[in-house]
Amino acid sequence: MSKFWSFTAGALSGALVGGVVTLLFTPKSGDDLIADAEARWNAAVDEANRAKEEKRQELEMEFEMGKQP
């Protein structure tokens, strides 16, 4: 389990450093960057919700088929 936490800490640290470097060296203004980040986040959330709903429907159908004799 120690390797997992070490990996997680390293990944989070790398993401934080990468984010800060990106913010410091980006040619866009802060407002534009925030708007783009929010748009990407919302797109990712929407895609995850669509995938979740598709998987839920698939599993419900398999469950119903499994209940039939």
C-alpha atoms as a PDB file:
ATOM      1  CA  MET A   1       0.000   0.000   0.000  1.00  0.00           C
ATOM      2  CA  SER A   2       2.981   2.291   0.555  1.00  0.00           C
ATOM      3  CA  LYS A   3       3.832   2.219  -3.142  1.00  0.00           C
ATOM      4  CA  PHE A   4       0.282   3.271  -3.964  1.00  0.00           C
ATOM      5  CA  TRP A   5       0.444   6.317  -1.691  1.00  0.00           C
ATOM      6  CA  SER A   6       3.884   7.231  -3.003  1.00  0.00           C
ATOM      7  CA  PHE A   7       2.591   7.047  -6.560  1.00  0.00           C
ATOM      8  CA  THR A   8      -0.517   9.066  -5.678  1.00  0.00           C
ATOM      9  CA  ALA A   9       1.522  11.747  -3.922  1.00  0.00           C
ATOM     10  CA  GLY A  10       3.892  11.942  -6.887  1.00  0.00           C
ATOM     11  CA  ALA A  11       1.043  12.158  -9.383  1.00  0.00           C
ATOM     12  CA  LEU A  12      -0.704  14.906  -7.425  1.00  0.00           C
ATOM     13  CA  SER A  13       2.535  16.825  -6.973  1.00  0.00           C
ATOM     14  CA  GLY A  14       3.289  16.545 -10.675  1.00  0.00           C
ATOM     15  CA  ALA A  15      -0.187  17.714 -11.596  1.00  0.00           C
ATOM     16  CA  LEU A  16       0.121  20.692  -9.260  1.00  0.00           C
ATOM     17  CA  VAL A  17       3.542  21.686 -10.606  1.00  0.00           C
ATOM     18  CA  GLY A  18       2.329  21.228 -14.182  1.00  0.00           C
ATOM     19  CA  GLY A  19      -0.701  23.394 -13.523  1.00  0.00           C
ATOM     20  CA  VAL A  20       1.368  26.172 -11.978  1.00  0.00           C
ATOM     21  CA  VAL A  21       3.892  26.101 -14.826  1.00  0.00           C
ATOM     22  CA  THR A  22       1.073  26.208 -17.358  1.00  0.00           C
ATOM     23  CA  LEU A  23      -0.503  29.187 -15.637  1.00  0.00           C
ATOM     24  CA  LEU A  24       2.819  31.017 -15.515  1.00  0.00           C
ATOM     25  CA  PHE A  25       3.803  30.454 -19.137  1.00  0.00           C
ATOM     26  CA  THR A  26       0.485  30.501 -20.956  1.00  0.00           C
ATOM     27  CA  PRO A  27      -0.076  33.262 -23.533  1.00  0.00           C
ATOM     28  CA  LYS A  28      -3.762  33.616 -22.571  1.00  0.00           C
ATOM     29  CA  SER A  29      -5.148  35.892 -19.918  1.00  0.00           C
ATOM     30  CA  GLY A  30      -6.255  34.395 -16.640  1.00  0.00           C
ATOM     31  CA  ASP A  31      -9.927  34.869 -17.434  1.00  0.00           C
ATOM     32  CA  ASP A  32      -9.581  33.143 -20.813  1.00  0.00           C
ATOM     33  CA  LEU A  33      -7.629  30.303 -19.254  1.00  0.00           C
ATOM     34  CA  ILE A  34     -10.221  29.826 -16.516  1.00  0.00           C
ATOM     35  CA  ALA A  35     -13.050  29.868 -19.057  1.00  0.00           C
ATOM     36  CA  ASP A  36     -11.266  27.240 -21.175  1.00  0.00           C
ATOM     37  CA  ALA A  37     -10.562  25.079 -18.125  1.00  0.00           C
ATOM     38  CA  GLU A  38     -14.200  25.289 -17.041  1.00  0.00           C
ATOM     39  CA  ALA A  39     -15.371  24.369 -20.540  1.00  0.00           C
ATOM     40  CA  ARG A  40     -13.041  21.332 -20.636  1.00  0.00           C
ATOM     41  CA  TRP A  41     -14.165  20.306 -17.133  1.00  0.00           C
ATOM     42  CA  ASN A  42     -17.839  20.596 -18.060  1.00  0.00           C
ATOM     43  CA  ALA A  43     -17.268  18.605 -21.253  1.00  0.00           C
ATOM     44  CA  ALA A  44     -15.508  15.866 -19.278  1.00  0.00           C
ATOM     45  CA  VAL A  45     -18.318  15.765 -16.696  1.00  0.00           C
ATOM     46  CA  ASP A  46     -20.952  15.584 -19.437  1.00  0.00           C
ATOM     47  CA  GLU A  47     -19.085  12.758 -21.162  1.00  0.00           C
ATOM     48  CA  ALA A  48     -18.719  10.867 -17.881  1.00  0.00           C
ATOM     49  CA  ASN A  49     -22.439  11.262 -17.168  1.00  0.00           C
ATOM     50  CA  ARG A  50     -23.323   9.973 -20.643  1.00  0.00           C
ATOM     51  CA  ALA A  51     -21.019   6.978 -20.196  1.00  0.00           C
ATOM     52  CA  LYS A  52     -22.484   6.310 -16.740  1.00  0.00           C
ATOM     53  CA  GLU A  53     -26.036   6.400 -18.095  1.00  0.00           C
ATOM     54  CA  GLU A  54     -25.162   4.100 -21.020  1.00  0.00           C
ATOM     55  CA  LYS A  55     -23.494   1.600 -18.674  1.00  0.00           C
ATOM     56  CA  ARG A  56     -26.435   1.753 -16.243  1.00  0.00           C
ATOM     57  CA  GLN A  57     -28.880   0.996 -19.058  1.00  0.00           C
ATOM     58  CA  GLU A  58     -26.669  -1.834 -20.306  1.00  0.00           C
ATOM     59  CA  LEU A  59     -26.440  -3.390 -16.848  1.00  0.00           C
ATOM     60  CA  GLU A  60     -30.173  -3.019 -16.217  1.00  0.00           C
ATOM     61  CA  MET A  61     -30.888  -4.792 -19.507  1.00  0.00           C
ATOM     62  CA  GLU A  62     -28.471  -7.614 -18.616  1.00  0.00           C
ATOM     63  CA  PHE A  63     -30.057  -7.900 -15.174  1.00  0.00           C
ATOM     64  CA  GLU A  64     -33.559  -8.128 -16.620  1.00  0.00           C
ATOM     65  CA  MET A  65     -32.429 -10.741 -19.135  1.00  0.00           C
ATOM     66  CA  GLY A  66     -30.786 -12.705 -16.335  1.00  0.00           C
ATOM     67  CA  LYS A  67     -34.033 -12.766 -14.329  1.00  0.00           C
ATOM     68  CA  GLN A  68     -35.977 -14.375 -17.154  1.00  0.00           C
ATOM     69  CA  PRO A  69     -36.205 -18.170 -16.974  1.00  0.00           C
END
